[in-house]
Amino acid sequence: MAEGGLPPDAIERELAKLRANRPPPAPPFEIEEDDEGRAVRLFEGLATQWNWSTMTVSNGLGGISVPMRTGLRYEALPVVAGALGLAVDRQVLADLQLIEQTALATMAAQR
């Protein structure tokens, strides 16, 4: 903006107004650090790591392709768990798989 002729102090005043009008951040979501809590945090961390497929649904005119999730990409698990500082043991993995199965069933029921 300074190149456009706005003085630096005017830029700073406008930035201060923007900062003052910004809503406060939401309080952090509290999750227990037991096995289930670690699995929930891991599931949330894997939110963008889904395998996708398409299912053709007949509509009398040849059908349409509907995208659907088919399961988590487990090759991303070590990276996400490491970034979140989570230890993944047998129980956490079992809990994660239960959450995944429930999520898939819920999404399928919504189609």
PDB file of N, CA and C in Angstrom:
ATOM      1  N   MET A   1       0.820  -1.187   0.000  1.00  0.00           N
ATOM      2  CA  MET A   1       0.000   0.000   0.000  1.00  0.00           C
ATOM      3  C   MET A   1       0.861   1.246   0.000  1.00  0.00           C
ATOM      4  N   ALA A   2       2.034   1.144   0.602  1.00  0.00           N
ATOM      5  CA  ALA A   2       2.906   2.306   0.650  1.00  0.00           C
ATOM      6  C   ALA A   2       3.286   2.752  -0.751  1.00  0.00           C
ATOM      7  N   GLU A   3       3.436   1.795  -1.683  1.00  0.00           N
ATOM      8  CA  GLU A   3       3.779   2.149  -3.051  1.00  0.00           C
ATOM      9  C   GLU A   3       2.642   2.925  -3.692  1.00  0.00           C
ATOM     10  N   GLY A   4       1.411   2.713  -3.225  1.00  0.00           N
ATOM     11  CA  GLY A   4       0.244   3.397  -3.769  1.00  0.00           C
ATOM     12  C   GLY A   4       0.048   4.784  -3.188  1.00  0.00           C
ATOM     13  N   GLY A   5       0.927   5.211  -2.299  1.00  0.00           N
ATOM     14  CA  GLY A   5       0.855   6.561  -1.767  1.00  0.00           C
ATOM     15  C   GLY A   5       0.318   6.662  -0.355  1.00  0.00           C
ATOM     16  N   LEU A   6      -0.047   5.561   0.286  1.00  0.00           N
ATOM     17  CA  LEU A   6      -0.549   5.602   1.655  1.00  0.00           C
ATOM     18  C   LEU A   6       0.634   5.646   2.612  1.00  0.00           C
ATOM     19  N   PRO A   7       0.665   6.632   3.523  1.00  0.00           N
ATOM     20  CA  PRO A   7       1.798   6.739   4.458  1.00  0.00           C
ATOM     21  C   PRO A   7       1.840   5.543   5.414  1.00  0.00           C
ATOM     22  N   PRO A   8       3.035   5.160   5.865  1.00  0.00           N
ATOM     23  CA  PRO A   8       3.177   4.000   6.760  1.00  0.00           C
ATOM     24  C   PRO A   8       2.332   4.093   8.028  1.00  0.00           C
ATOM     25  N   ASP A   9       2.195   5.295   8.622  1.00  0.00           N
ATOM     26  CA  ASP A   9       1.392   5.407   9.839  1.00  0.00           C
ATOM     27  C   ASP A   9      -0.091   5.152   9.563  1.00  0.00           C
ATOM     28  N   ALA A  10      -0.577   5.522   8.384  1.00  0.00           N
ATOM     29  CA  ALA A  10      -1.965   5.250   8.008  1.00  0.00           C
ATOM     30  C   ALA A  10      -2.169   3.749   7.803  1.00  0.00           C
ATOM     31  N   ILE A  11      -1.174   3.102   7.228  1.00  0.00           N
ATOM     32  CA  ILE A  11      -1.244   1.645   7.044  1.00  0.00           C
ATOM     33  C   ILE A  11      -1.323   0.970   8.405  1.00  0.00           C
ATOM     34  N   GLU A  12      -0.487   1.414   9.339  1.00  0.00           N
ATOM     35  CA  GLU A  12      -0.479   0.815  10.675  1.00  0.00           C
ATOM     36  C   GLU A  12      -1.805   1.042  11.393  1.00  0.00           C
ATOM     37  N   ARG A  13      -2.414   2.214  11.231  1.00  0.00           N
ATOM     38  CA  ARG A  13      -3.726   2.473  11.849  1.00  0.00           C
ATOM     39  C   ARG A  13      -4.791   1.529  11.290  1.00  0.00           C
ATOM     40  N   GLU A  14      -4.779   1.316   9.986  1.00  0.00           N
ATOM     41  CA  GLU A  14      -5.755   0.419   9.369  1.00  0.00           C
ATOM     42  C   GLU A  14      -5.552  -1.017   9.837  1.00  0.00           C
ATOM     43  N   LEU A  15      -4.286  -1.439   9.937  1.00  0.00           N
ATOM     44  CA  LEU A  15      -4.001  -2.790  10.438  1.00  0.00           C
ATOM     45  C   LEU A  15      -4.464  -2.942  11.881  1.00  0.00           C
ATOM     46  N   ALA A  16      -4.269  -1.912  12.699  1.00  0.00           N
ATOM     47  CA  ALA A  16      -4.711  -1.956  14.102  1.00  0.00           C
ATOM     48  C   ALA A  16      -6.234  -2.105  14.169  1.00  0.00           C
ATOM     49  N   LYS A  17      -6.966  -1.408  13.286  1.00  0.00           N
ATOM     50  CA  LYS A  17      -8.431  -1.547  13.252  1.00  0.00           C
ATOM     51  C   LYS A  17      -8.834  -2.985  12.913  1.00  0.00           C
ATOM     52  N   LEU A  18      -8.150  -3.562  11.931  1.00  0.00           N
ATOM     53  CA  LEU A  18      -8.460  -4.941  11.545  1.00  0.00           C
ATOM     54  C   LEU A  18      -8.206  -5.900  12.701  1.00  0.00           C
ATOM     55  N   ARG A  19      -7.071  -5.702  13.395  1.00  0.00           N
ATOM     56  CA  ARG A  19      -6.753  -6.574  14.532  1.00  0.00           C
ATOM     57  C   ARG A  19      -7.777  -6.417  15.653  1.00  0.00           C
ATOM     58  N   ALA A  20      -8.232  -5.176  15.903  1.00  0.00           N
ATOM     59  CA  ALA A  20      -9.188  -4.917  16.985  1.00  0.00           C
ATOM     60  C   ALA A  20     -10.542  -5.536  16.693  1.00  0.00           C
ATOM     61  N   ASN A  21     -10.910  -5.631  15.425  1.00  0.00           N
ATOM     62  CA  ASN A  21     -12.222  -6.175  15.055  1.00  0.00           C
ATOM     63  C   ASN A  21     -12.222  -7.682  14.859  1.00  0.00           C
ATOM     64  N   ARG A  22     -11.056  -8.299  14.965  1.00  0.00           N
ATOM     65  CA  ARG A  22     -10.954  -9.749  14.788  1.00  0.00           C
ATOM     66  C   ARG A  22     -11.558 -10.434  16.002  1.00  0.00           C
ATOM     67  N   PRO A  23     -12.428 -11.454  15.782  1.00  0.00           N
ATOM     68  CA  PRO A  23     -13.004 -12.147  16.941  1.00  0.00           C
ATOM     69  C   PRO A  23     -11.925 -12.912  17.703  1.00  0.00           C
ATOM     70  N   PRO A  24     -12.114 -13.084  19.012  1.00  0.00           N
ATOM     71  CA  PRO A  24     -11.119 -13.829  19.797  1.00  0.00           C
ATOM     72  C   PRO A  24     -11.094 -15.283  19.352  1.00  0.00           C
ATOM     73  N   PRO A  25      -9.942 -15.930  19.471  1.00  0.00           N
ATOM     74  CA  PRO A  25      -9.875 -17.346  19.067  1.00  0.00           C
ATOM     75  C   PRO A  25     -10.740 -18.204  19.988  1.00  0.00           C
ATOM     76  N   ALA A  26     -11.274 -19.255  19.413  1.00  0.00           N
ATOM     77  CA  ALA A  26     -12.087 -20.183  20.198  1.00  0.00           C
ATOM     78  C   ALA A  26     -11.200 -20.898  21.211  1.00  0.00           C
ATOM     79  N   PRO A  27     -11.733 -21.205  22.386  1.00  0.00           N
ATOM     80  CA  PRO A  27     -10.923 -21.942  23.354  1.00  0.00           C
ATOM     81  C   PRO A  27     -10.591 -23.322  22.802  1.00  0.00           C
ATOM     82  N   PRO A  28      -9.439 -23.856  23.161  1.00  0.00           N
ATOM     83  CA  PRO A  28      -9.067 -25.177  22.634  1.00  0.00           C
ATOM     84  C   PRO A  28     -10.029 -26.249  23.111  1.00  0.00           C
ATOM     85  N   PHE A  29     -10.255 -27.209  22.251  1.00  0.00           N
ATOM     86  CA  PHE A  29     -11.123 -28.340  22.566  1.00  0.00           C
ATOM     87  C   PHE A  29     -10.338 -29.293  23.461  1.00  0.00           C
ATOM     88  N   GLU A  30     -10.890 -29.579  24.607  1.00  0.00           N
ATOM     89  CA  GLU A  30     -10.198 -30.450  25.556  1.00  0.00           C
ATOM     90  C   GLU A  30     -10.444 -31.916  25.216  1.00  0.00           C
ATOM     91  N   ILE A  31      -9.378 -32.671  25.054  1.00  0.00           N
ATOM     92  CA  ILE A  31      -9.475 -34.097  24.786  1.00  0.00           C
ATOM     93  C   ILE A  31      -8.588 -34.819  25.787  1.00  0.00           C
ATOM     94  N   GLU A  32      -9.144 -35.824  26.421  1.00  0.00           N
ATOM     95  CA  GLU A  32      -8.357 -36.632  27.353  1.00  0.00           C
ATOM     96  C   GLU A  32      -7.195 -37.280  26.617  1.00  0.00           C
ATOM     97  N   GLU A  33      -6.119 -37.517  27.300  1.00  0.00           N
ATOM     98  CA  GLU A  33      -4.949 -38.134  26.676  1.00  0.00           C
ATOM     99  C   GLU A  33      -4.888 -39.646  26.913  1.00  0.00           C
ATOM    100  N   ASP A  34      -6.061 -40.263  27.115  1.00  0.00           N
ATOM    101  CA  ASP A  34      -6.087 -41.718  27.198  1.00  0.00           C
ATOM    102  C   ASP A  34      -6.059 -42.275  25.772  1.00  0.00           C
ATOM    103  N   ASP A  35      -6.177 -43.589  25.635  1.00  0.00           N
ATOM    104  CA  ASP A  35      -6.128 -44.202  24.305  1.00  0.00           C
ATOM    105  C   ASP A  35      -7.176 -43.614  23.371  1.00  0.00           C
ATOM    106  N   GLU A  36      -8.423 -43.496  23.872  1.00  0.00           N
ATOM    107  CA  GLU A  36      -9.494 -42.986  23.029  1.00  0.00           C
ATOM    108  C   GLU A  36      -9.243 -41.532  22.645  1.00  0.00           C
ATOM    109  N   GLY A  37      -8.746 -40.753  23.579  1.00  0.00           N
ATOM    110  CA  GLY A  37      -8.450 -39.347  23.292  1.00  0.00           C
ATOM    111  C   GLY A  37      -7.358 -39.205  22.247  1.00  0.00           C
ATOM    112  N   ARG A  38      -6.323 -40.032  22.354  1.00  0.00           N
ATOM    113  CA  ARG A  38      -5.261 -39.996  21.339  1.00  0.00           C
ATOM    114  C   ARG A  38      -5.805 -40.424  19.982  1.00  0.00           C
ATOM    115  N   ALA A  39      -6.706 -41.397  19.966  1.00  0.00           N
ATOM    116  CA  ALA A  39      -7.294 -41.846  18.703  1.00  0.00           C
ATOM    117  C   ALA A  39      -8.148 -40.741  18.083  1.00  0.00           C
ATOM    118  N   VAL A  40      -8.889 -40.010  18.907  1.00  0.00           N
ATOM    119  CA  VAL A  40      -9.703 -38.903  18.404  1.00  0.00           C
ATOM    120  C   VAL A  40      -8.805 -37.822  17.820  1.00  0.00           C
ATOM    121  N   ARG A  41      -7.750 -37.454  18.527  1.00  0.00           N
ATOM    122  CA  ARG A  41      -6.820 -36.449  18.005  1.00  0.00           C
ATOM    123  C   ARG A  41      -6.189 -36.913  16.698  1.00  0.00           C
ATOM    124  N   LEU A  42      -5.843 -38.185  16.621  1.00  0.00           N
ATOM    125  CA  LEU A  42      -5.253 -38.735  15.410  1.00  0.00           C
ATOM    126  C   LEU A  42      -6.270 -38.719  14.266  1.00  0.00           C
ATOM    127  N   PHE A  43      -7.508 -39.108  14.539  1.00  0.00           N
ATOM    128  CA  PHE A  43      -8.552 -39.084  13.522  1.00  0.00           C
ATOM    129  C   PHE A  43      -8.762 -37.667  12.993  1.00  0.00           C
ATOM    130  N   GLU A  44      -8.803 -36.693  13.886  1.00  0.00           N
ATOM    131  CA  GLU A  44      -8.948 -35.293  13.463  1.00  0.00           C
ATOM    132  C   GLU A  44      -7.747 -34.858  12.620  1.00  0.00           C
ATOM    133  N   GLY A  45      -6.561 -35.300  13.007  1.00  0.00           N
ATOM    134  CA  GLY A  45      -5.362 -34.960  12.246  1.00  0.00           C
ATOM    135  C   GLY A  45      -5.336 -35.588  10.863  1.00  0.00           C
ATOM    136  N   LEU A  46      -6.014 -36.708  10.717  1.00  0.00           N
ATOM    137  CA  LEU A  46      -6.067 -37.409   9.432  1.00  0.00           C
ATOM    138  C   LEU A  46      -7.260 -36.963   8.581  1.00  0.00           C
ATOM    139  N   ALA A  47      -7.906 -35.872   8.946  1.00  0.00           N
ATOM    140  CA  ALA A  47      -9.135 -35.430   8.279  1.00  0.00           C
ATOM    141  C   ALA A  47      -8.982 -35.250   6.773  1.00  0.00           C
ATOM    142  N   THR A  48      -7.804 -34.917   6.305  1.00  0.00           N
ATOM    143  CA  THR A  48      -7.599 -34.719   4.860  1.00  0.00           C
ATOM    144  C   THR A  48      -6.968 -35.937   4.204  1.00  0.00           C
ATOM    145  N   GLN A  49      -6.840 -37.021   4.936  1.00  0.00           N
ATOM    146  CA  GLN A  49      -6.120 -38.197   4.439  1.00  0.00           C
ATOM    147  C   GLN A  49      -7.052 -39.379   4.178  1.00  0.00           C
ATOM    148  N   TRP A  50      -8.038 -39.173   3.325  1.00  0.00           N
ATOM    149  CA  TRP A  50      -8.987 -40.226   2.982  1.00  0.00           C
ATOM    150  C   TRP A  50      -8.706 -40.774   1.590  1.00  0.00           C
ATOM    151  N   ASN A  51      -8.912 -42.074   1.418  1.00  0.00           N
ATOM    152  CA  ASN A  51      -8.962 -42.665   0.089  1.00  0.00           C
ATOM    153  C   ASN A  51     -10.371 -42.421  -0.442  1.00  0.00           C
ATOM    154  N   TRP A  52     -10.461 -42.123  -1.733  1.00  0.00           N
ATOM    155  CA  TRP A  52     -11.750 -41.851  -2.362  1.00  0.00           C
ATOM    156  C   TRP A  52     -11.974 -42.802  -3.520  1.00  0.00           C
ATOM    157  N   SER A  53     -13.216 -43.080  -3.792  1.00  0.00           N
ATOM    158  CA  SER A  53     -13.608 -43.872  -4.944  1.00  0.00           C
ATOM    159  C   SER A  53     -14.902 -43.261  -5.481  1.00  0.00           C
ATOM    160  N   THR A  54     -15.338 -43.711  -6.627  1.00  0.00           N
ATOM    161  CA  THR A  54     -16.622 -43.254  -7.143  1.00  0.00           C
ATOM    162  C   THR A  54     -17.554 -44.445  -7.283  1.00  0.00           C
ATOM    163  N   MET A  55     -18.803 -44.178  -7.027  1.00  0.00           N
ATOM    164  CA  MET A  55     -19.829 -45.194  -7.149  1.00  0.00           C
ATOM    165  C   MET A  55     -20.818 -44.676  -8.186  1.00  0.00           C
ATOM    166  N   THR A  56     -21.170 -45.512  -9.146  1.00  0.00           N
ATOM    167  CA  THR A  56     -22.142 -45.108 -10.152  1.00  0.00           C
ATOM    168  C   THR A  56     -23.541 -45.448  -9.666  1.00  0.00           C
ATOM    169  N   VAL A  57     -24.382 -44.444  -9.669  1.00  0.00           N
ATOM    170  CA  VAL A  57     -25.762 -44.599  -9.231  1.00  0.00           C
ATOM    171  C   VAL A  57     -26.644 -44.449 -10.456  1.00  0.00           C
ATOM    172  N   SER A  58     -27.454 -45.449 -10.728  1.00  0.00           N
ATOM    173  CA  SER A  58     -28.352 -45.410 -11.881  1.00  0.00           C
ATOM    174  C   SER A  58     -29.518 -44.480 -11.591  1.00  0.00           C
ATOM    175  N   ASN A  59     -29.773 -43.602 -12.545  1.00  0.00           N
ATOM    176  CA  ASN A  59     -30.917 -42.705 -12.388  1.00  0.00           C
ATOM    177  C   ASN A  59     -31.885 -42.840 -13.561  1.00  0.00           C
ATOM    178  N   GLY A  60     -31.789 -43.944 -14.298  1.00  0.00           N
ATOM    179  CA  GLY A  60     -32.653 -44.163 -15.433  1.00  0.00           C
ATOM    180  C   GLY A  60     -32.129 -43.556 -16.726  1.00  0.00           C
ATOM    181  N   LEU A  61     -31.146 -42.684 -16.612  1.00  0.00           N
ATOM    182  CA  LEU A  61     -30.572 -42.029 -17.786  1.00  0.00           C
ATOM    183  C   LEU A  61     -29.116 -42.413 -17.982  1.00  0.00           C
ATOM    184  N   GLY A  62     -28.705 -43.478 -17.367  1.00  0.00           N
ATOM    185  CA  GLY A  62     -27.323 -43.920 -17.495  1.00  0.00           C
ATOM    186  C   GLY A  62     -26.548 -43.853 -16.199  1.00  0.00           C
ATOM    187  N   GLY A  63     -26.959 -43.016 -15.278  1.00  0.00           N
ATOM    188  CA  GLY A  63     -26.314 -42.965 -13.975  1.00  0.00           C
ATOM    189  C   GLY A  63     -25.394 -41.790 -13.787  1.00  0.00           C
ATOM    190  N   ILE A  64     -25.044 -41.557 -12.549  1.00  0.00           N
ATOM    191  CA  ILE A  64     -24.107 -40.507 -12.182  1.00  0.00           C
ATOM    192  C   ILE A  64     -23.046 -41.102 -11.265  1.00  0.00           C
ATOM    193  N   SER A  65     -21.890 -40.496 -11.273  1.00  0.00           N
ATOM    194  CA  SER A  65     -20.807 -40.954 -10.400  1.00  0.00           C
ATOM    195  C   SER A  65     -20.830 -40.144  -9.113  1.00  0.00           C
ATOM    196  N   VAL A  66     -20.839 -40.845  -8.011  1.00  0.00           N
ATOM    197  CA  VAL A  66     -20.869 -40.205  -6.695  1.00  0.00           C
ATOM    198  C   VAL A  66     -19.555 -40.503  -5.985  1.00  0.00           C
ATOM    199  N   PRO A  67     -18.789 -39.447  -5.601  1.00  0.00           N
ATOM    200  CA  PRO A  67     -17.557 -39.701  -4.855  1.00  0.00           C
ATOM    201  C   PRO A  67     -17.876 -40.161  -3.436  1.00  0.00           C
ATOM    202  N   MET A  68     -17.057 -41.081  -2.925  1.00  0.00           N
ATOM    203  CA  MET A  68     -17.262 -41.549  -1.552  1.00  0.00           C
ATOM    204  C   MET A  68     -15.922 -41.926  -0.924  1.00  0.00           C
ATOM    205  N   ARG A  69     -15.849 -41.719   0.369  1.00  0.00           N
ATOM    206  CA  ARG A  69     -14.657 -42.111   1.107  1.00  0.00           C
ATOM    207  C   ARG A  69     -14.675 -43.620   1.306  1.00  0.00           C
ATOM    208  N   THR A  70     -13.499 -44.233   1.208  1.00  0.00           N
ATOM    209  CA  THR A  70     -13.435 -45.687   1.376  1.00  0.00           C
ATOM    210  C   THR A  70     -12.565 -46.102   2.554  1.00  0.00           C
ATOM    211  N   GLY A  71     -11.886 -45.170   3.178  1.00  0.00           N
ATOM    212  CA  GLY A  71     -11.036 -45.493   4.320  1.00  0.00           C
ATOM    213  C   GLY A  71      -9.887 -44.511   4.414  1.00  0.00           C
ATOM    214  N   LEU A  72      -9.257 -44.503   5.555  1.00  0.00           N
ATOM    215  CA  LEU A  72      -8.121 -43.605   5.774  1.00  0.00           C
ATOM    216  C   LEU A  72      -6.879 -44.092   5.039  1.00  0.00           C
ATOM    217  N   ARG A  73      -6.005 -43.174   4.720  1.00  0.00           N
ATOM    218  CA  ARG A  73      -4.719 -43.492   4.111  1.00  0.00           C
ATOM    219  C   ARG A  73      -3.732 -43.743   5.255  1.00  0.00           C
ATOM    220  N   TYR A  74      -3.548 -44.987   5.582  1.00  0.00           N
ATOM    221  CA  TYR A  74      -2.720 -45.346   6.733  1.00  0.00           C
ATOM    222  C   TYR A  74      -1.235 -45.051   6.524  1.00  0.00           C
ATOM    223  N   GLU A  75      -0.811 -44.857   5.297  1.00  0.00           N
ATOM    224  CA  GLU A  75       0.584 -44.474   5.084  1.00  0.00           C
ATOM    225  C   GLU A  75       0.866 -43.071   5.626  1.00  0.00           C
ATOM    226  N   ALA A  76      -0.185 -42.265   5.842  1.00  0.00           N
ATOM    227  CA  ALA A  76      -0.017 -40.930   6.414  1.00  0.00           C
ATOM    228  C   ALA A  76       0.032 -40.957   7.940  1.00  0.00           C
ATOM    229  N   LEU A  77      -0.358 -42.070   8.538  1.00  0.00           N
ATOM    230  CA  LEU A  77      -0.457 -42.166   9.987  1.00  0.00           C
ATOM    231  C   LEU A  77       0.850 -41.821  10.714  1.00  0.00           C
ATOM    232  N   PRO A  78       2.009 -42.371  10.324  1.00  0.00           N
ATOM    233  CA  PRO A  78       3.236 -42.031  11.058  1.00  0.00           C
ATOM    234  C   PRO A  78       3.583 -40.540  10.989  1.00  0.00           C
ATOM    235  N   VAL A  79       3.325 -39.918   9.849  1.00  0.00           N
ATOM    236  CA  VAL A  79       3.640 -38.491   9.689  1.00  0.00           C
ATOM    237  C   VAL A  79       2.729 -37.650  10.576  1.00  0.00           C
ATOM    238  N   VAL A  80       1.427 -37.934  10.529  1.00  0.00           N
ATOM    239  CA  VAL A  80       0.471 -37.160  11.314  1.00  0.00           C
ATOM    240  C   VAL A  80       0.677 -37.397  12.812  1.00  0.00           C
ATOM    241  N   ALA A  81       0.843 -38.655  13.207  1.00  0.00           N
ATOM    242  CA  ALA A  81       1.066 -38.960  14.626  1.00  0.00           C
ATOM    243  C   ALA A  81       2.338 -38.269  15.124  1.00  0.00           C
ATOM    244  N   GLY A  82       3.391 -38.313  14.328  1.00  0.00           N
ATOM    245  CA  GLY A  82       4.634 -37.654  14.715  1.00  0.00           C
ATOM    246  C   GLY A  82       4.472 -36.149  14.853  1.00  0.00           C
ATOM    247  N   ALA A  83       3.756 -35.545  13.913  1.00  0.00           N
ATOM    248  CA  ALA A  83       3.545 -34.097  13.969  1.00  0.00           C
ATOM    249  C   ALA A  83       2.717 -33.690  15.180  1.00  0.00           C
ATOM    250  N   LEU A  84       1.800 -34.569  15.586  1.00  0.00           N
ATOM    251  CA  LEU A  84       0.963 -34.283  16.753  1.00  0.00           C
ATOM    252  C   LEU A  84       1.613 -34.733  18.059  1.00  0.00           C
ATOM    253  N   GLY A  85       2.745 -35.412  17.965  1.00  0.00           N
ATOM    254  CA  GLY A  85       3.425 -35.901  19.163  1.00  0.00           C
ATOM    255  C   GLY A  85       2.672 -37.041  19.836  1.00  0.00           C
ATOM    256  N   LEU A  86       1.999 -37.867  19.045  1.00  0.00           N
ATOM    257  CA  LEU A  86       1.203 -38.965  19.592  1.00  0.00           C
ATOM    258  C   LEU A  86       1.898 -40.304  19.401  1.00  0.00           C
ATOM    259  N   ALA A  87       1.920 -41.085  20.444  1.00  0.00           N
ATOM    260  CA  ALA A  87       2.419 -42.453  20.349  1.00  0.00           C
ATOM    261  C   ALA A  87       1.251 -43.335  19.920  1.00  0.00           C
ATOM    262  N   VAL A  88       1.479 -44.139  18.904  1.00  0.00           N
ATOM    263  CA  VAL A  88       0.421 -45.025  18.410  1.00  0.00           C
ATOM    264  C   VAL A  88       0.784 -46.457  18.765  1.00  0.00           C
ATOM    265  N   ASP A  89      -0.006 -47.033  19.656  1.00  0.00           N
ATOM    266  CA  ASP A  89       0.190 -48.433  20.017  1.00  0.00           C
ATOM    267  C   ASP A  89      -0.996 -49.237  19.492  1.00  0.00           C
ATOM    268  N   ARG A  90      -1.042 -50.492  19.822  1.00  0.00           N
ATOM    269  CA  ARG A  90      -2.088 -51.391  19.328  1.00  0.00           C
ATOM    270  C   ARG A  90      -3.487 -50.887  19.695  1.00  0.00           C
ATOM    271  N   GLN A  91      -3.666 -50.407  20.929  1.00  0.00           N
ATOM    272  CA  GLN A  91      -4.984 -49.964  21.376  1.00  0.00           C
ATOM    273  C   GLN A  91      -5.418 -48.680  20.674  1.00  0.00           C
ATOM    274  N   VAL A  92      -4.504 -47.741  20.494  1.00  0.00           N
ATOM    275  CA  VAL A  92      -4.834 -46.494  19.786  1.00  0.00           C
ATOM    276  C   VAL A  92      -5.227 -46.808  18.345  1.00  0.00           C
ATOM    277  N   LEU A  93      -4.512 -47.714  17.713  1.00  0.00           N
ATOM    278  CA  LEU A  93      -4.841 -48.105  16.348  1.00  0.00           C
ATOM    279  C   LEU A  93      -6.227 -48.749  16.288  1.00  0.00           C
ATOM    280  N   ALA A  94      -6.534 -49.624  17.229  1.00  0.00           N
ATOM    281  CA  ALA A  94      -7.855 -50.261  17.262  1.00  0.00           C
ATOM    282  C   ALA A  94      -8.953 -49.219  17.461  1.00  0.00           C
ATOM    283  N   ASP A  95      -8.711 -48.247  18.345  1.00  0.00           N
ATOM    284  CA  ASP A  95      -9.692 -47.185  18.569  1.00  0.00           C
ATOM    285  C   ASP A  95      -9.857 -46.324  17.318  1.00  0.00           C
ATOM    286  N   LEU A  96      -8.746 -46.013  16.647  1.00  0.00           N
ATOM    287  CA  LEU A  96      -8.803 -45.237  15.408  1.00  0.00           C
ATOM    288  C   LEU A  96      -9.629 -45.971  14.351  1.00  0.00           C
ATOM    289  N   GLN A  97      -9.416 -47.276  14.225  1.00  0.00           N
ATOM    290  CA  GLN A  97     -10.160 -48.061  13.239  1.00  0.00           C
ATOM    291  C   GLN A  97     -11.650 -48.102  13.563  1.00  0.00           C
ATOM    292  N   LEU A  98     -11.985 -48.144  14.834  1.00  0.00           N
ATOM    293  CA  LEU A  98     -13.394 -48.117  15.231  1.00  0.00           C
ATOM    294  C   LEU A  98     -14.022 -46.773  14.861  1.00  0.00           C
ATOM    295  N   ILE A  99     -13.304 -45.679  15.109  1.00  0.00           N
ATOM    296  CA  ILE A  99     -13.800 -44.354  14.739  1.00  0.00           C
ATOM    297  C   ILE A  99     -13.969 -44.269  13.219  1.00  0.00           C
ATOM    298  N   GLU A 100     -12.991 -44.785  12.491  1.00  0.00           N
ATOM    299  CA  GLU A 100     -13.049 -44.776  11.029  1.00  0.00           C
ATOM    300  C   GLU A 100     -14.261 -45.561  10.526  1.00  0.00           C
ATOM    301  N   GLN A 101     -14.476 -46.763  11.051  1.00  0.00           N
ATOM    302  CA  GLN A 101     -15.617 -47.588  10.626  1.00  0.00           C
ATOM    303  C   GLN A 101     -16.938 -46.883  10.911  1.00  0.00           C
ATOM    304  N   THR A 102     -17.034 -46.253  12.067  1.00  0.00           N
ATOM    305  CA  THR A 102     -18.246 -45.532  12.436  1.00  0.00           C
ATOM    306  C   THR A 102     -18.462 -44.344  11.508  1.00  0.00           C
ATOM    307  N   ALA A 103     -17.387 -43.619  11.204  1.00  0.00           N
ATOM    308  CA  ALA A 103     -17.494 -42.478  10.308  1.00  0.00           C
ATOM    309  C   ALA A 103     -17.932 -42.917   8.915  1.00  0.00           C
ATOM    310  N   LEU A 104     -17.344 -44.000   8.404  1.00  0.00           N
ATOM    311  CA  LEU A 104     -17.724 -44.510   7.083  1.00  0.00           C
ATOM    312  C   LEU A 104     -19.194 -44.928   7.061  1.00  0.00           C
ATOM    313  N   ALA A 105     -19.651 -45.610   8.099  1.00  0.00           N
ATOM    314  CA  ALA A 105     -21.062 -46.024   8.163  1.00  0.00           C
ATOM    315  C   ALA A 105     -21.987 -44.819   8.212  1.00  0.00           C
ATOM    316  N   THR A 106     -21.600 -43.804   8.968  1.00  0.00           N
ATOM    317  CA  THR A 106     -22.409 -42.595   9.072  1.00  0.00           C
ATOM    318  C   THR A 106     -22.485 -41.871   7.734  1.00  0.00           C
ATOM    319  N   MET A 107     -21.323 -41.746   7.053  1.00  0.00           N
ATOM    320  CA  MET A 107     -21.312 -41.084   5.751  1.00  0.00           C
ATOM    321  C   MET A 107     -22.116 -41.865   4.716  1.00  0.00           C
ATOM    322  N   ALA A 108     -22.038 -43.196   4.774  1.00  0.00           N
ATOM    323  CA  ALA A 108     -22.801 -44.022   3.839  1.00  0.00           C
ATOM    324  C   ALA A 108     -24.299 -43.855   4.064  1.00  0.00           C
ATOM    325  N   ALA A 109     -24.703 -43.751   5.316  1.00  0.00           N
ATOM    326  CA  ALA A 109     -26.126 -43.579   5.639  1.00  0.00           C
ATOM    327  C   ALA A 109     -26.653 -42.225   5.165  1.00  0.00           C
ATOM    328  N   GLN A 110     -25.779 -41.245   5.047  1.00  0.00           N
ATOM    329  CA  GLN A 110     -26.185 -39.908   4.609  1.00  0.00           C
ATOM    330  C   GLN A 110     -26.303 -39.790   3.089  1.00  0.00           C
ATOM    331  N   ARG A 111     -25.785 -40.778   2.357  1.00  0.00           N
ATOM    332  CA  ARG A 111     -25.872 -40.720   0.891  1.00  0.00           C
ATOM    333  C   ARG A 111     -27.254 -41.041   0.409  1.00  0.00           C
TER     334      ARG A 111
END
